[in-house]
Amino acid sequence: MATYLQFLTSLFATFGTYGLYRILSFFYQEWTSPLKVLPGPPSQSWLFGNFKTASAALWEMPGPIHEQWVKEYGNTIVYKGILGMNRLYTTDLKALNHIIMNSNTYQKPEMVQYITKRLIGDGLVVVEGEEHKKQRRVMNPAFGPAQIRELTETFVEKSVELRDIWLAQSENAGGSFKVNAIPYFNQLTLDVIGLAGFNYQFHSLTTEAEDNELNNAFTKLFQANGLFSMETLVKALIPITRGIPTPYDKQTKDTKKTMDRIGMELLQKSKAELNEKHAVVERDSVTGKHLLTLLLRANMASDLPHNQRMTDQEVADQVPTFLSAGHETTSTSTSWVLYDLCTAPEVQTKLREELLTIGTDNPTMDELSALPYLDCVVREALRLHAPLASAMRVAVQDDLIPLGTPFTDSKGKLHDVIKVKKGQNVIIPIAAINRDTSLWGDDAHEFRPQRWKELPEAVSGIPGAWSNMLTFLGGPRACIGWRFSIIETKAIIFSILRAFEIQLAVPKDDIIGGPSIISRPVLRTDPKVGMLPLFLKPVSKL
């Protein structure tokens, strides 16, 4: 008994000493931070700093508090997070280019990696450094133009399926009818990523989805009541607490095990089919009907050194990665495109006229890409409504960030670089850059597709992966599936807008960006659930 008590005493003493060390280290780092010379708003609370105001503003369009801070203090500022943590916030394009391009120095915070890894494993979204380079090198061929061209047929087939479901509802209603579009787009994009990702039938647009094992596991894994619970947040912030079990931990472990098993089964099936068809696999022969096969072909290529290949588990971990990254973001983007088209009837009419010039309901990728006004509309909607409003990075080593616009400190000294210490958090303000009036003009907050006919020179400096915007980020960590998402979105808009005239079923101002990681449309009166109520009326010609 005495020995047991001594053990407990030693254990608590160790925890206490460790906790005190972490607290003192944290406050020392903040007190000695070189960012203290930067201008910025005063802290609103010793506990939360400016966190509540800054976080709430991220989901507003266009995030007025950040614009106010930039106008008042300059485009490179520091504000306080929880417990007075310094947050570096900059819209300086030279600084952002440095941060985005140097992904080995600026990585996802450890707490973000912890939460993401326990959900989807060591997939491309989670890993950093050399491991990320290895996975990216193998996976890049699967997302090239030729491969997305092959997958476009799946995008169109599922879009037509949704169109026909809505036409049937219209017939039952005797014409115009009301629908919440978001659940349907969620189902459509889940079906698409299942088929295009790994040849898996979710049947989400039909009643068969209720008994789908992978769909059930995926839904349980990402249930918000556990994913964003206080217990999860505490474990993410305080690593020493991660060994304490909670009910959500067991649910996560069980459902992750199910997803791992199904992912490995899909991998082994695809690998067996590939081995049967090809005695020797070459990287330049990477074609096929779904991403998993394309990935396996690239990974099994005879000219790929063994030390650059992914393990079976790493390949299997891409299944939940595809699901999480390629599902809800495209659904959200498509919802915002329809919202914008509802707010601009003349744009909707002009776009429909262009879409009806195509003499088929089943366009190819090249036909979709050759529609100039559709391209302008999609670009403009994705500029205005990036699914991810911002991204956070942490410096893993001391660094100097160059500035295009110097700042003046409180003593009147001019600085053309920002000194950052290892462990410093940095905000990449995706939505703010996409709507910055100093870059896009005074109408930056307006939906105006024609702006893409002649862009301002200033936007050429935005370090984005696609089309002078940060929606898909940029640099080595840019979204690998940006081409997949764009063509899928175009296919959905093509099928729906040719068949229906659409109107908002609520006032325009009732729709806002929801307070979540993915900024989906919600009702101002009920922001917890994604909502885009629409009236759909069939057009006379399909």
Protein backbone atom coordinates (compact mmCIF):
# COMPACT_ATOMS: atom_id res chain seq x y z
CA MET A 1 0.00 0.00 0.00
CA ALA A 2 2.78 2.40 0.94
CA THR A 3 4.58 1.63 -2.32
CA TYR A 4 1.39 2.34 -4.29
CA LEU A 5 0.93 5.70 -2.51
CA GLN A 6 4.56 6.57 -3.20
CA PHE A 7 3.98 5.77 -6.86
CA LEU A 8 0.89 8.01 -7.01
CA THR A 9 2.73 10.80 -5.21
CA SER A 10 5.63 10.55 -7.65
CA LEU A 11 3.23 10.44 -10.60
CA PHE A 12 1.33 13.56 -9.54
CA ALA A 13 4.58 15.33 -8.72
CA THR A 14 5.88 14.49 -12.20
CA PHE A 15 2.66 15.73 -13.84
CA GLY A 16 2.77 18.88 -11.73
CA THR A 17 6.40 19.60 -12.55
CA TYR A 18 5.81 18.94 -16.25
CA GLY A 19 2.71 21.15 -16.25
CA LEU A 20 4.54 23.98 -14.49
CA TYR A 21 7.43 23.68 -16.95
CA ARG A 22 5.07 23.88 -19.95
CA ILE A 23 3.21 26.87 -18.50
CA LEU A 24 6.41 28.79 -17.71
CA SER A 25 7.88 27.91 -21.14
CA PHE A 26 4.71 29.11 -22.82
CA PHE A 27 4.62 32.46 -21.04
CA TYR A 28 8.37 32.98 -21.49
CA GLN A 29 8.00 32.45 -25.24
CA GLU A 30 5.15 34.96 -25.43
CA TRP A 31 6.88 37.55 -23.23
CA THR A 32 10.07 37.40 -25.30
CA SER A 33 8.35 37.20 -28.69
CA PRO A 34 9.88 39.47 -31.36
CA LEU A 35 6.31 40.03 -32.62
CA LYS A 36 5.74 42.42 -29.73
CA VAL A 37 7.07 45.24 -31.93
CA LEU A 38 4.25 44.71 -34.46
CA PRO A 39 1.17 46.94 -34.37
CA GLY A 40 -2.22 45.42 -33.63
CA PRO A 41 -5.46 45.71 -31.66
CA PRO A 42 -5.40 45.71 -27.85
CA SER A 43 -6.28 42.45 -26.13
CA GLN A 44 -9.94 42.21 -25.10
CA SER A 45 -9.43 39.59 -22.38
CA TRP A 46 -6.52 38.10 -20.42
CA LEU A 47 -7.98 34.64 -21.03
CA PHE A 48 -9.28 34.79 -24.61
CA GLY A 49 -7.42 37.80 -25.99
CA ASN A 50 -9.00 38.73 -29.35
CA PHE A 51 -9.80 35.08 -30.08
CA LYS A 52 -13.60 35.31 -29.89
CA THR A 53 -13.82 38.39 -32.08
CA ALA A 54 -11.30 37.11 -34.63
CA SER A 55 -12.85 33.62 -34.85
CA ALA A 56 -16.41 34.90 -35.23
CA ALA A 57 -15.32 37.32 -37.96
CA LEU A 58 -13.73 34.54 -40.04
CA TRP A 59 -17.19 33.19 -40.91
CA GLU A 60 -18.69 36.54 -41.83
CA MET A 61 -18.57 37.83 -45.35
CA PRO A 62 -16.21 39.63 -45.82
CA GLY A 63 -14.81 39.46 -42.26
CA PRO A 64 -15.14 43.15 -41.34
CA ILE A 65 -13.10 43.07 -38.12
CA HIS A 66 -9.96 41.93 -39.96
CA GLU A 67 -10.46 44.61 -42.59
CA GLN A 68 -10.88 47.17 -39.82
CA TRP A 69 -7.66 46.02 -38.15
CA VAL A 70 -5.71 46.16 -41.42
CA LYS A 71 -7.01 49.67 -42.19
CA GLU A 72 -6.16 50.88 -38.69
CA TYR A 73 -2.84 49.11 -38.01
CA GLY A 74 -1.49 48.08 -41.43
CA ASN A 75 -1.47 44.85 -43.42
CA THR A 76 0.90 43.04 -41.03
CA ILE A 77 -0.34 42.89 -37.45
CA VAL A 78 -0.29 40.78 -34.30
CA TYR A 79 -3.33 40.03 -32.16
CA LYS A 80 -3.82 37.96 -29.02
CA GLY A 81 -5.21 34.45 -28.93
CA ILE A 82 -6.13 32.28 -25.94
CA LEU A 83 -3.95 32.99 -22.87
CA GLY A 84 -2.32 35.87 -24.69
CA MET A 85 -0.74 33.78 -27.47
CA ASN A 86 0.52 35.98 -30.29
CA ARG A 87 -1.12 35.46 -33.67
CA LEU A 88 0.71 36.82 -36.71
CA TYR A 89 -1.78 38.04 -39.33
CA THR A 90 -0.61 39.44 -42.64
CA THR A 91 -2.08 40.22 -46.04
CA ASP A 92 1.35 41.19 -47.39
CA LEU A 93 1.75 39.07 -50.55
CA LYS A 94 5.55 38.87 -50.30
CA ALA A 95 5.26 37.56 -46.74
CA LEU A 96 2.51 35.09 -47.64
CA ASN A 97 4.50 33.82 -50.61
CA HIS A 98 7.43 33.13 -48.26
CA ILE A 99 5.22 31.31 -45.73
CA ILE A 100 3.34 29.24 -48.31
CA MET A 101 6.37 28.26 -50.38
CA ASN A 102 8.49 27.26 -47.35
CA SER A 103 6.29 24.41 -46.16
CA ASN A 104 9.17 22.68 -44.36
CA THR A 105 9.48 25.72 -42.07
CA TYR A 106 5.77 26.51 -41.72
CA GLN A 107 3.75 23.39 -40.92
CA LYS A 108 0.36 22.59 -39.47
CA PRO A 109 0.25 23.03 -35.67
CA GLU A 110 0.76 19.83 -33.69
CA MET A 111 -2.75 20.01 -32.22
CA VAL A 112 -4.23 20.08 -35.75
CA GLN A 113 -2.07 17.13 -36.77
CA TYR A 114 -3.19 15.21 -33.67
CA ILE A 115 -6.91 15.69 -34.34
CA THR A 116 -6.59 14.96 -38.06
CA LYS A 117 -4.34 11.91 -37.71
CA ARG A 118 -6.63 10.12 -35.27
CA LEU A 119 -9.44 10.51 -37.81
CA ILE A 120 -7.82 9.73 -41.16
CA GLY A 121 -4.38 8.32 -40.38
CA ASP A 122 -1.13 9.28 -42.07
CA GLY A 123 -2.62 10.44 -45.36
CA LEU A 124 -1.42 13.28 -47.58
CA VAL A 125 -3.33 15.92 -45.61
CA VAL A 126 -1.65 14.95 -42.32
CA VAL A 127 2.01 14.18 -43.02
CA GLU A 128 4.72 16.83 -43.23
CA GLY A 129 8.28 17.21 -44.49
CA GLU A 130 9.95 14.40 -46.44
CA GLU A 131 7.02 12.03 -45.90
CA HIS A 132 4.69 14.55 -47.53
CA LYS A 133 7.09 14.99 -50.45
CA LYS A 134 7.17 11.21 -50.95
CA GLN A 135 3.40 10.83 -50.92
CA ARG A 136 2.87 13.88 -53.11
CA ARG A 137 5.41 12.63 -55.66
CA VAL A 138 3.59 9.31 -55.97
CA MET A 139 0.09 10.79 -55.99
CA ASN A 140 0.58 13.71 -58.39
CA PRO A 141 0.09 11.64 -61.58
CA ALA A 142 -3.35 10.47 -60.38
CA PHE A 143 -4.63 14.06 -60.38
CA GLY A 144 -3.32 15.19 -63.77
CA PRO A 145 -5.52 16.46 -66.65
CA ALA A 146 -5.62 13.11 -68.46
CA GLN A 147 -6.79 11.32 -65.33
CA ILE A 148 -9.50 13.88 -64.48
CA ARG A 149 -10.66 13.66 -68.09
CA GLU A 150 -11.32 9.94 -67.50
CA LEU A 151 -13.24 10.67 -64.29
CA THR A 152 -15.49 13.36 -65.79
CA GLU A 153 -17.94 10.71 -66.97
CA THR A 154 -18.59 9.79 -63.32
CA PHE A 155 -19.07 13.46 -62.37
CA VAL A 156 -21.65 13.91 -65.13
CA GLU A 157 -23.51 10.63 -64.50
CA LYS A 158 -24.08 11.47 -60.83
CA SER A 159 -25.06 15.06 -61.67
CA VAL A 160 -27.65 13.80 -64.15
CA GLU A 161 -28.93 11.38 -61.50
CA LEU A 162 -29.58 14.29 -59.12
CA ARG A 163 -31.17 16.30 -61.93
CA ASP A 164 -33.58 13.43 -62.63
CA ILE A 165 -34.45 13.09 -58.92
CA TRP A 166 -35.38 16.77 -58.83
CA LEU A 167 -37.31 16.53 -62.11
CA ALA A 168 -39.36 13.71 -60.58
CA GLN A 169 -40.06 15.87 -57.51
CA SER A 170 -41.10 18.71 -59.81
CA GLU A 171 -43.51 16.44 -61.66
CA ASN A 172 -45.06 15.31 -58.37
CA ALA A 173 -45.38 18.93 -57.24
CA GLY A 174 -46.89 20.02 -60.55
CA GLY A 175 -44.07 22.42 -61.41
CA SER A 176 -42.08 24.60 -59.05
CA PHE A 177 -41.01 23.06 -55.73
CA LYS A 178 -38.87 23.89 -52.70
CA VAL A 179 -35.71 22.00 -51.74
CA ASN A 180 -32.76 22.32 -49.37
CA ALA A 181 -29.94 21.77 -51.85
CA ILE A 182 -27.08 21.08 -49.43
CA PRO A 183 -28.00 17.52 -48.31
CA TYR A 184 -28.41 16.52 -51.96
CA PHE A 185 -25.03 17.97 -52.91
CA ASN A 186 -23.46 16.18 -49.93
CA GLN A 187 -24.94 12.90 -51.17
CA LEU A 188 -23.92 13.53 -54.77
CA THR A 189 -20.31 14.39 -53.96
CA LEU A 190 -20.04 11.42 -51.57
CA ASP A 191 -21.22 9.12 -54.37
CA VAL A 192 -18.71 10.72 -56.73
CA ILE A 193 -15.71 10.37 -54.42
CA GLY A 194 -16.70 6.76 -53.71
CA LEU A 195 -16.77 5.83 -57.39
CA ALA A 196 -14.04 8.15 -58.69
CA GLY A 197 -11.87 7.67 -55.61
CA PHE A 198 -11.87 3.91 -55.10
CA ASN A 199 -14.70 2.31 -57.10
CA TYR A 200 -16.99 2.08 -54.07
CA GLN A 201 -20.77 2.42 -54.28
CA PHE A 202 -22.22 4.61 -51.52
CA HIS A 203 -25.66 4.94 -53.18
CA SER A 204 -26.13 8.12 -51.14
CA LEU A 205 -28.68 9.52 -53.58
CA THR A 206 -30.85 6.42 -52.97
CA THR A 207 -32.26 4.73 -49.87
CA GLU A 208 -29.55 2.05 -50.06
CA ALA A 209 -27.12 4.45 -48.34
CA GLU A 210 -28.71 3.74 -44.94
CA ASP A 211 -27.04 0.32 -44.68
CA ASN A 212 -23.66 1.28 -46.12
CA GLU A 213 -20.87 0.26 -43.74
CA LEU A 214 -18.26 2.76 -44.91
CA ASN A 215 -20.78 5.61 -45.00
CA ASN A 216 -21.89 4.82 -41.44
CA ALA A 217 -18.28 4.67 -40.21
CA PHE A 218 -17.35 7.93 -41.95
CA THR A 219 -20.39 9.71 -40.50
CA LYS A 220 -19.70 8.50 -36.95
CA LEU A 221 -16.02 9.40 -37.20
CA PHE A 222 -16.77 13.02 -38.02
CA GLN A 223 -19.68 13.53 -35.63
CA ALA A 224 -19.31 17.09 -34.37
CA ASN A 225 -20.37 16.30 -30.79
CA GLY A 226 -17.10 14.42 -30.30
CA LEU A 227 -14.83 16.02 -32.87
CA PHE A 228 -15.28 19.51 -31.40
CA SER A 229 -15.89 18.51 -27.79
CA MET A 230 -14.04 20.05 -24.84
CA GLU A 231 -12.34 16.69 -24.18
CA THR A 232 -10.91 16.61 -27.71
CA LEU A 233 -9.75 20.23 -27.46
CA VAL A 234 -8.03 19.61 -24.11
CA LYS A 235 -6.22 16.55 -25.47
CA ALA A 236 -5.13 18.47 -28.54
CA LEU A 237 -3.76 21.34 -26.45
CA ILE A 238 -2.28 19.27 -23.60
CA PRO A 239 -0.54 16.12 -24.93
CA ILE A 240 -0.09 14.62 -21.46
CA THR A 241 -3.90 14.15 -21.18
CA ARG A 242 -4.19 12.03 -24.33
CA GLY A 243 -3.92 8.78 -22.40
CA ILE A 244 -7.13 9.51 -20.49
CA PRO A 245 -9.94 7.51 -22.19
CA THR A 246 -13.27 9.09 -23.18
CA PRO A 247 -16.39 7.62 -24.87
CA TYR A 248 -15.51 9.45 -28.09
CA ASP A 249 -12.04 7.84 -28.06
CA LYS A 250 -13.62 4.37 -28.17
CA GLN A 251 -16.02 5.40 -30.94
CA THR A 252 -13.15 6.91 -32.90
CA LYS A 253 -10.99 3.81 -32.45
CA ASP A 254 -13.79 1.42 -33.48
CA THR A 255 -14.92 3.40 -36.52
CA LYS A 256 -11.35 4.10 -37.62
CA LYS A 257 -10.68 0.37 -37.43
CA THR A 258 -13.67 -0.23 -39.72
CA MET A 259 -12.44 2.37 -42.20
CA ASP A 260 -8.92 0.92 -42.11
CA ARG A 261 -10.26 -2.58 -42.80
CA ILE A 262 -12.41 -1.43 -45.72
CA GLY A 263 -9.58 0.73 -47.06
CA MET A 264 -7.18 -2.22 -46.99
CA GLU A 265 -9.78 -4.47 -48.67
CA LEU A 266 -10.24 -1.92 -51.45
CA LEU A 267 -6.48 -1.60 -51.82
CA GLN A 268 -5.89 -5.36 -52.04
CA LYS A 269 -8.71 -5.73 -54.56
CA SER A 270 -7.31 -2.97 -56.77
CA LYS A 271 -3.79 -4.34 -56.43
CA ALA A 272 -4.89 -7.84 -57.44
CA GLU A 273 -6.70 -6.48 -60.50
CA LEU A 274 -3.65 -4.43 -61.44
CA ASN A 275 -1.27 -7.38 -61.09
CA GLU A 276 -3.58 -9.51 -63.20
CA LYS A 277 -3.66 -7.01 -66.05
CA HIS A 278 -0.07 -5.75 -65.97
CA ALA A 279 3.03 -7.83 -65.42
CA VAL A 280 5.13 -4.64 -65.37
CA VAL A 281 3.73 -1.23 -64.45
CA GLU A 282 5.23 2.01 -65.80
CA ARG A 283 4.51 5.48 -64.43
CA ASP A 284 3.71 6.90 -67.86
CA SER A 285 0.88 4.36 -68.22
CA VAL A 286 -1.08 5.84 -65.31
CA THR A 287 -4.67 5.78 -66.57
CA GLY A 288 -7.82 4.30 -65.15
CA LYS A 289 -11.28 4.92 -63.79
CA HIS A 290 -10.60 5.69 -60.13
CA LEU A 291 -7.92 7.38 -58.06
CA LEU A 292 -6.92 4.37 -55.97
CA THR A 293 -5.97 2.36 -59.06
CA LEU A 294 -4.13 5.37 -60.48
CA LEU A 295 -2.26 5.77 -57.20
CA LEU A 296 -1.36 2.08 -57.06
CA ARG A 297 -0.08 2.12 -60.63
CA ALA A 298 2.16 5.08 -59.87
CA ASN A 299 3.32 3.48 -56.61
CA MET A 300 4.06 0.10 -58.23
CA ALA A 301 5.86 1.53 -61.25
CA SER A 302 9.03 -0.42 -62.05
CA ASP A 303 11.03 2.81 -62.46
CA LEU A 304 10.10 4.12 -58.98
CA PRO A 305 12.84 3.42 -56.39
CA HIS A 306 11.65 1.26 -53.50
CA ASN A 307 12.61 3.88 -50.91
CA GLN A 308 10.25 6.35 -52.61
CA ARG A 309 7.24 4.03 -52.56
CA MET A 310 4.34 4.27 -50.14
CA THR A 311 3.50 1.36 -47.85
CA ASP A 312 0.16 -0.41 -48.16
CA GLN A 313 -1.01 1.32 -44.98
CA GLU A 314 -0.06 4.73 -46.36
CA VAL A 315 -1.99 3.99 -49.54
CA ALA A 316 -4.99 2.72 -47.54
CA ASP A 317 -4.90 5.91 -45.44
CA GLN A 318 -5.72 7.86 -48.60
CA VAL A 319 -9.26 6.37 -48.58
CA PRO A 320 -10.47 8.45 -45.58
CA THR A 321 -8.29 11.31 -46.88
CA PHE A 322 -10.16 11.26 -50.21
CA LEU A 323 -13.47 11.12 -48.34
CA SER A 324 -12.77 14.02 -46.01
CA ALA A 325 -10.96 16.29 -48.47
CA GLY A 326 -12.90 15.53 -51.66
CA HIS A 327 -16.46 15.40 -50.41
CA GLU A 328 -17.78 18.29 -48.33
CA THR A 329 -15.58 21.01 -49.84
CA THR A 330 -16.96 20.43 -53.36
CA SER A 331 -20.50 20.19 -52.01
CA THR A 332 -20.01 23.52 -50.23
CA SER A 333 -18.46 25.20 -53.28
CA THR A 334 -21.35 24.08 -55.50
CA SER A 335 -23.88 25.38 -52.97
CA TRP A 336 -22.24 28.81 -53.00
CA VAL A 337 -22.23 28.89 -56.82
CA LEU A 338 -26.00 28.35 -56.81
CA TYR A 339 -26.43 30.97 -54.08
CA ASP A 340 -24.56 33.54 -56.17
CA LEU A 341 -26.57 32.65 -59.28
CA CYS A 342 -29.77 33.23 -57.30
CA THR A 343 -28.59 36.69 -56.25
CA ALA A 344 -27.76 37.62 -59.85
CA PRO A 345 -30.64 36.46 -62.13
CA GLU A 346 -29.10 38.09 -65.19
CA VAL A 347 -25.91 36.05 -64.68
CA GLN A 348 -27.99 32.89 -64.25
CA THR A 349 -29.86 33.53 -67.50
CA LYS A 350 -26.68 34.29 -69.45
CA LEU A 351 -24.97 31.18 -68.11
CA ARG A 352 -27.94 28.94 -68.93
CA GLU A 353 -27.93 30.24 -72.49
CA GLU A 354 -24.27 29.27 -72.81
CA LEU A 355 -24.82 25.81 -71.28
CA LEU A 356 -27.69 25.08 -73.67
CA THR A 357 -25.37 25.58 -76.66
CA ILE A 358 -23.87 22.17 -75.86
CA GLY A 359 -25.83 19.51 -77.72
CA THR A 360 -25.52 16.77 -75.11
CA ASP A 361 -26.43 16.11 -71.48
CA ASN A 362 -23.12 14.30 -71.04
CA PRO A 363 -20.28 16.74 -71.78
CA THR A 364 -16.62 15.81 -71.64
CA MET A 365 -14.05 17.62 -69.52
CA ASP A 366 -12.85 19.47 -72.62
CA GLU A 367 -16.39 20.63 -73.43
CA LEU A 368 -16.93 21.87 -69.87
CA SER A 369 -13.56 23.63 -69.88
CA ALA A 370 -14.36 25.34 -73.20
CA LEU A 371 -17.37 27.22 -71.76
CA PRO A 372 -15.92 30.67 -70.95
CA TYR A 373 -18.81 32.11 -68.94
CA LEU A 374 -19.16 28.95 -66.84
CA ASP A 375 -15.47 29.28 -66.08
CA CYS A 376 -15.88 32.92 -65.01
CA VAL A 377 -18.86 32.09 -62.79
CA VAL A 378 -17.10 29.22 -61.02
CA ARG A 379 -13.91 31.26 -60.52
CA GLU A 380 -15.85 34.18 -59.08
CA ALA A 381 -17.90 32.03 -56.70
CA LEU A 382 -14.79 30.19 -55.47
CA ARG A 383 -13.03 33.52 -54.97
CA LEU A 384 -15.87 34.91 -52.87
CA HIS A 385 -16.60 31.72 -50.93
CA ALA A 386 -13.46 29.74 -50.19
CA PRO A 387 -14.62 26.66 -48.22
CA LEU A 388 -11.71 27.21 -45.82
CA ALA A 389 -11.64 30.82 -44.62
CA SER A 390 -8.11 30.65 -43.22
CA ALA A 391 -5.27 28.24 -42.48
CA MET A 392 -2.89 28.21 -39.54
CA ARG A 393 0.78 27.33 -39.68
CA VAL A 394 3.47 27.14 -37.00
CA ALA A 395 7.15 27.94 -37.49
CA VAL A 396 9.22 24.84 -36.70
CA GLN A 397 12.40 26.93 -36.63
CA ASP A 398 13.39 30.59 -36.24
CA ASP A 399 12.91 32.54 -39.45
CA LEU A 400 12.87 35.96 -41.11
CA ILE A 401 9.79 36.73 -43.21
CA PRO A 402 10.38 39.38 -45.91
CA LEU A 403 7.78 42.11 -46.38
CA GLY A 404 6.64 43.92 -49.50
CA THR A 405 5.26 46.75 -47.35
CA PRO A 406 7.43 47.58 -44.29
CA PHE A 407 5.79 48.31 -40.93
CA THR A 408 6.66 50.96 -38.34
CA ASP A 409 6.97 49.86 -34.72
CA SER A 410 5.91 51.83 -31.64
CA LYS A 411 9.32 53.56 -31.52
CA GLY A 412 9.07 54.78 -35.09
CA LYS A 413 11.54 52.26 -36.51
CA LEU A 414 10.87 50.85 -39.98
CA HIS A 415 11.05 47.05 -40.48
CA ASP A 416 11.15 45.22 -43.83
CA VAL A 417 11.25 41.72 -42.28
CA ILE A 418 9.36 39.96 -39.50
CA LYS A 419 11.39 37.98 -36.98
CA VAL A 420 9.61 34.81 -35.87
CA LYS A 421 10.67 32.25 -33.30
CA LYS A 422 10.19 28.52 -33.43
CA GLY A 423 6.66 27.74 -32.26
CA GLN A 424 5.10 30.97 -33.54
CA ASN A 425 1.59 30.63 -35.02
CA VAL A 426 0.91 32.31 -38.36
CA ILE A 427 -2.48 32.91 -40.00
CA ILE A 428 -2.89 32.50 -43.77
CA PRO A 429 -6.02 34.65 -44.41
CA ILE A 430 -7.49 32.87 -47.45
CA ALA A 431 -10.85 34.65 -47.56
CA ALA A 432 -9.35 38.06 -46.77
CA ILE A 433 -6.87 37.85 -49.67
CA ASN A 434 -9.60 36.63 -52.04
CA ARG A 435 -11.70 39.72 -51.17
CA ASP A 436 -8.98 42.31 -50.57
CA THR A 437 -10.10 45.61 -52.11
CA SER A 438 -6.48 46.75 -52.51
CA LEU A 439 -5.96 43.80 -54.86
CA TRP A 440 -9.33 43.23 -56.53
CA GLY A 441 -10.77 46.75 -56.51
CA ASP A 442 -13.58 48.45 -54.63
CA ASP A 443 -16.11 45.84 -55.83
CA ALA A 444 -14.09 42.93 -54.37
CA HIS A 445 -17.05 41.87 -52.20
CA GLU A 446 -19.46 41.71 -55.13
CA PHE A 447 -20.29 38.72 -57.32
CA ARG A 448 -19.15 39.93 -60.74
CA PRO A 449 -18.04 37.10 -63.07
CA GLN A 450 -17.03 39.51 -65.83
CA ARG A 451 -14.05 40.65 -63.72
CA TRP A 452 -12.24 37.53 -64.98
CA LYS A 453 -12.16 38.97 -68.49
CA GLU A 454 -9.58 41.53 -67.33
CA LEU A 455 -8.01 41.07 -63.91
CA PRO A 456 -6.18 43.81 -61.99
CA GLU A 457 -2.40 43.53 -62.22
CA ALA A 458 -2.15 43.40 -58.41
CA VAL A 459 -3.70 39.92 -58.14
CA SER A 460 -0.86 38.37 -60.15
CA GLY A 461 1.21 38.32 -56.96
CA ILE A 462 -1.22 36.07 -55.05
CA PRO A 463 0.66 32.76 -54.48
CA GLY A 464 -2.31 30.50 -55.23
CA ALA A 465 -2.34 27.12 -56.94
CA TRP A 466 -5.18 28.12 -59.27
CA SER A 467 -6.45 31.32 -60.82
CA ASN A 468 -4.91 34.13 -58.73
CA MET A 469 -6.67 33.14 -55.50
CA LEU A 470 -5.88 31.24 -52.30
CA THR A 471 -8.96 29.00 -52.33
CA PHE A 472 -6.80 25.92 -52.97
CA LEU A 473 -3.81 27.43 -51.15
CA GLY A 474 -0.48 27.21 -53.01
CA GLY A 475 3.08 25.98 -52.96
CA PRO A 476 4.05 22.42 -51.98
CA ARG A 477 0.95 22.08 -49.74
CA ALA A 478 -1.56 23.23 -52.36
CA CYS A 479 -4.70 21.11 -52.65
CA ILE A 480 -3.74 18.19 -54.88
CA GLY A 481 -7.37 17.72 -55.96
CA TRP A 482 -8.12 21.24 -57.19
CA ARG A 483 -8.65 20.12 -60.79
CA PHE A 484 -10.92 17.27 -59.64
CA SER A 485 -13.05 19.71 -57.60
CA ILE A 486 -13.38 22.33 -60.33
CA ILE A 487 -14.48 19.91 -63.05
CA GLU A 488 -16.91 18.18 -60.69
CA THR A 489 -18.42 21.55 -59.73
CA LYS A 490 -18.78 22.52 -63.39
CA ALA A 491 -20.46 19.19 -64.18
CA ILE A 492 -23.03 19.69 -61.40
CA ILE A 493 -23.80 23.29 -62.39
CA PHE A 494 -24.07 22.23 -66.05
CA SER A 495 -26.67 19.54 -65.32
CA ILE A 496 -28.77 21.50 -62.81
CA LEU A 497 -28.86 24.90 -64.50
CA ARG A 498 -29.81 23.49 -67.92
CA ALA A 499 -32.83 21.86 -66.28
CA PHE A 500 -34.00 24.42 -63.71
CA GLU A 501 -34.49 28.08 -63.00
CA ILE A 502 -33.44 28.62 -59.39
CA GLN A 503 -34.45 31.18 -56.77
CA LEU A 504 -33.69 31.59 -53.08
CA ALA A 505 -36.60 30.52 -50.88
CA VAL A 506 -35.46 32.93 -48.14
CA PRO A 507 -34.21 36.53 -48.24
CA LYS A 508 -30.62 36.86 -49.45
CA ASP A 509 -29.43 38.29 -46.13
CA ASP A 510 -30.71 35.22 -44.25
CA ILE A 511 -27.90 33.13 -45.79
CA ILE A 512 -24.46 33.45 -44.15
CA GLY A 513 -21.30 31.39 -43.95
CA GLY A 514 -21.61 28.85 -41.14
CA PRO A 515 -19.35 28.82 -38.05
CA SER A 516 -17.46 25.64 -38.88
CA ILE A 517 -14.15 24.52 -40.37
CA ILE A 518 -15.86 24.38 -43.76
CA SER A 519 -17.83 27.60 -44.29
CA ARG A 520 -21.05 26.18 -45.77
CA PRO A 521 -24.24 28.24 -46.28
CA VAL A 522 -26.49 28.36 -43.21
CA LEU A 523 -29.54 30.31 -42.13
CA ARG A 524 -28.72 33.25 -39.88
CA THR A 525 -31.52 32.07 -37.57
CA ASP A 526 -30.21 28.47 -37.41
CA PRO A 527 -26.43 28.39 -38.06
CA LYS A 528 -25.89 24.82 -36.82
CA VAL A 529 -27.16 23.05 -39.94
CA GLY A 530 -26.18 23.64 -43.57
CA MET A 531 -29.16 25.18 -45.35
CA LEU A 532 -29.71 26.50 -48.86
CA PRO A 533 -33.50 26.62 -49.39
CA LEU A 534 -34.26 27.00 -53.09
CA PHE A 535 -37.29 27.15 -55.37
CA LEU A 536 -36.65 25.10 -58.51
CA LYS A 537 -38.71 25.54 -61.67
CA PRO A 538 -38.09 23.31 -64.72
CA VAL A 539 -37.05 25.13 -67.86
CA SER A 540 -38.93 24.33 -71.02
CA LYS A 541 -35.95 22.74 -72.79
CA LEU A 542 -33.48 20.19 -71.42
